[in-house]
Protein backbone atom coordinates (compact mmCIF):
# COMPACT_ATOMS: atom_id res chain seq x y z
CA MET A 1 31.54 1.40 28.90
CA ALA A 2 28.97 2.85 26.51
CA THR A 3 26.11 0.65 25.39
CA MET A 4 25.25 0.37 21.73
CA ARG A 5 21.66 1.27 20.85
CA VAL A 6 19.78 -1.16 18.67
CA LEU A 7 17.33 0.13 16.15
CA PRO A 8 13.76 -0.95 16.69
CA GLN A 9 12.88 -3.92 14.56
CA ALA A 10 10.11 -1.99 12.81
CA LEU A 11 12.58 0.68 11.65
CA VAL A 12 15.02 -1.90 10.37
CA LYS A 13 12.24 -3.58 8.38
CA LEU A 14 11.12 -0.22 7.01
CA GLN A 15 14.65 0.56 5.77
CA GLN A 16 15.11 -2.86 4.13
CA HIS A 17 11.67 -3.00 2.47
CA VAL A 18 12.29 -0.51 -0.32
CA LEU A 19 9.22 0.39 -2.48
CA LYS A 20 9.86 3.21 -4.90
CA ALA A 21 6.90 4.78 -6.71
CA PRO A 22 8.36 7.60 -8.76
CA THR A 23 5.35 8.24 -10.99
CA VAL A 24 2.64 7.94 -8.32
CA ALA A 25 1.14 11.06 -6.76
CA LYS A 26 -1.68 9.55 -4.78
CA VAL A 27 -2.94 6.14 -3.56
CA SER A 28 -6.51 5.70 -2.38
CA ILE A 29 -7.88 2.52 -0.89
CA ALA A 30 -11.49 1.70 -0.03
CA TYR A 31 -12.27 -1.35 2.07
CA ALA A 32 -14.47 -2.64 4.89
CA ARG A 33 -13.14 -2.86 8.43
CA ARG A 34 -14.24 -6.48 8.55
CA GLY A 35 -15.77 -9.08 6.36
CA ALA A 36 -14.69 -11.56 3.70
CA GLY A 37 -12.54 -10.27 0.96
CA ASN A 38 -11.13 -7.26 2.81
CA ALA A 39 -8.30 -8.87 4.78
CA GLY A 40 -5.76 -8.39 1.91
CA ALA A 41 -6.49 -4.64 1.83
CA ARG A 42 -6.04 -4.36 5.59
CA ALA A 43 -2.82 -6.35 5.41
CA PHE A 44 -1.53 -4.21 2.50
CA ILE A 45 -2.04 -1.10 4.64
CA LYS A 46 -0.17 -2.66 7.57
CA GLU A 47 2.68 -4.30 5.64
CA HIS A 48 3.41 -2.09 2.61
CA VAL A 49 1.97 1.40 3.10
CA PRO A 50 4.53 2.45 5.73
CA SER A 51 7.35 1.59 3.36
CA LEU A 52 5.66 3.41 0.45
CA LYS A 53 5.29 6.54 2.56
CA TYR A 54 8.81 6.36 3.97
CA HIS A 55 10.53 6.00 0.60
CA ASN A 56 8.19 8.34 -1.32
CA GLU A 57 7.82 11.57 0.67
CA ALA A 58 5.53 13.30 -1.80
CA LEU A 59 3.07 10.38 -1.99
CA VAL A 60 -0.38 11.13 -0.65
CA PHE A 61 -2.25 8.22 0.84
CA GLU A 62 -5.93 8.15 1.72
CA ARG A 63 -8.19 5.41 2.88
CA THR A 64 -11.95 5.11 2.99
CA PHE A 65 -13.99 2.66 5.06
CA LEU A 66 -16.92 1.09 3.28
CA ARG A 67 -20.01 1.05 5.46
CA ASP A 68 -21.84 -1.97 4.07
CA VAL A 69 -20.02 -5.11 3.22
CA GLY A 70 -21.99 -6.27 0.24
CA VAL A 71 -21.82 -7.16 -3.39
CA ALA A 72 -22.26 -3.50 -4.53
CA GLU A 73 -19.22 -2.23 -2.66
CA LYS A 74 -15.98 -4.15 -2.89
CA ALA A 75 -12.43 -3.34 -1.87
CA LYS A 76 -10.82 -1.03 -4.43
CA LEU A 77 -7.43 0.60 -4.89
CA THR A 78 -7.05 3.78 -6.95
CA VAL A 79 -3.60 4.97 -8.07
CA THR A 80 -3.25 8.51 -9.43
CA ASP A 81 -0.06 9.23 -11.35
CA ASP A 82 1.82 12.49 -11.55
CA LYS A 83 -0.22 13.45 -14.67
CA SER A 84 -3.52 13.17 -12.70
CA LYS A 85 -4.59 9.97 -14.46
CA ALA A 86 -6.39 7.63 -12.10
CA THR A 87 -6.32 3.84 -12.47
CA ASP A 88 -8.67 1.63 -10.46
CA PHE A 89 -7.87 -1.89 -9.28
CA GLU A 90 -10.27 -4.47 -7.89
CA ILE A 91 -8.50 -5.85 -4.78
CA HIS A 92 -11.43 -7.78 -3.25
CA ASN A 93 -10.26 -11.28 -2.20
CA LYS A 94 -6.56 -10.50 -2.99
CA THR A 95 -3.73 -10.90 -0.54
CA SER A 96 -1.36 -8.03 0.29
CA GLU A 97 1.43 -9.65 -1.77
CA GLU A 98 -0.98 -10.01 -4.77
CA ILE A 99 -1.84 -6.31 -4.47
CA LEU A 100 1.83 -5.36 -4.40
CA LYS A 101 2.59 -7.66 -7.34
CA LEU A 102 -0.29 -6.08 -9.29
CA LEU A 103 1.08 -2.54 -8.70
CA HIS A 104 4.55 -3.77 -9.77
CA GLN A 105 3.24 -5.40 -12.96
CA LYS A 106 1.39 -2.17 -13.94
CA GLY A 107 4.64 -0.19 -13.47
CA PHE A 108 3.56 1.87 -10.41
CA VAL A 109 5.97 0.34 -7.89
CA ASP A 110 9.66 -0.53 -8.28
CA LEU A 111 10.62 -3.48 -6.01
CA SER A 112 14.39 -3.14 -6.53
CA GLN A 113 16.54 -2.71 -3.42
CA ALA A 114 18.35 0.62 -2.96
């Protein structure tokens, strides 16, 4: 009797968590590896970036680690659309869900299920 293979839970989650970004060409995120106010940026990368990359093959994603955790440098997200227009978002002290909601409100990410 043949056994049925079960998809890994991470792959199932990736297929169900559909994030379409049709007008986005590049997403850049700058954050500190540790410190107050950067946890949301780290969680966004872990929770939402894999889905963005999976459902948007042409999307370029880059991340930059901030060296000094201070007032001068705070976590920042930059979205570049397909017309090369960059939009910066202050994501310091925001949760990953707040960051996703912000991108949705600005029209960069479509949260509808496929």
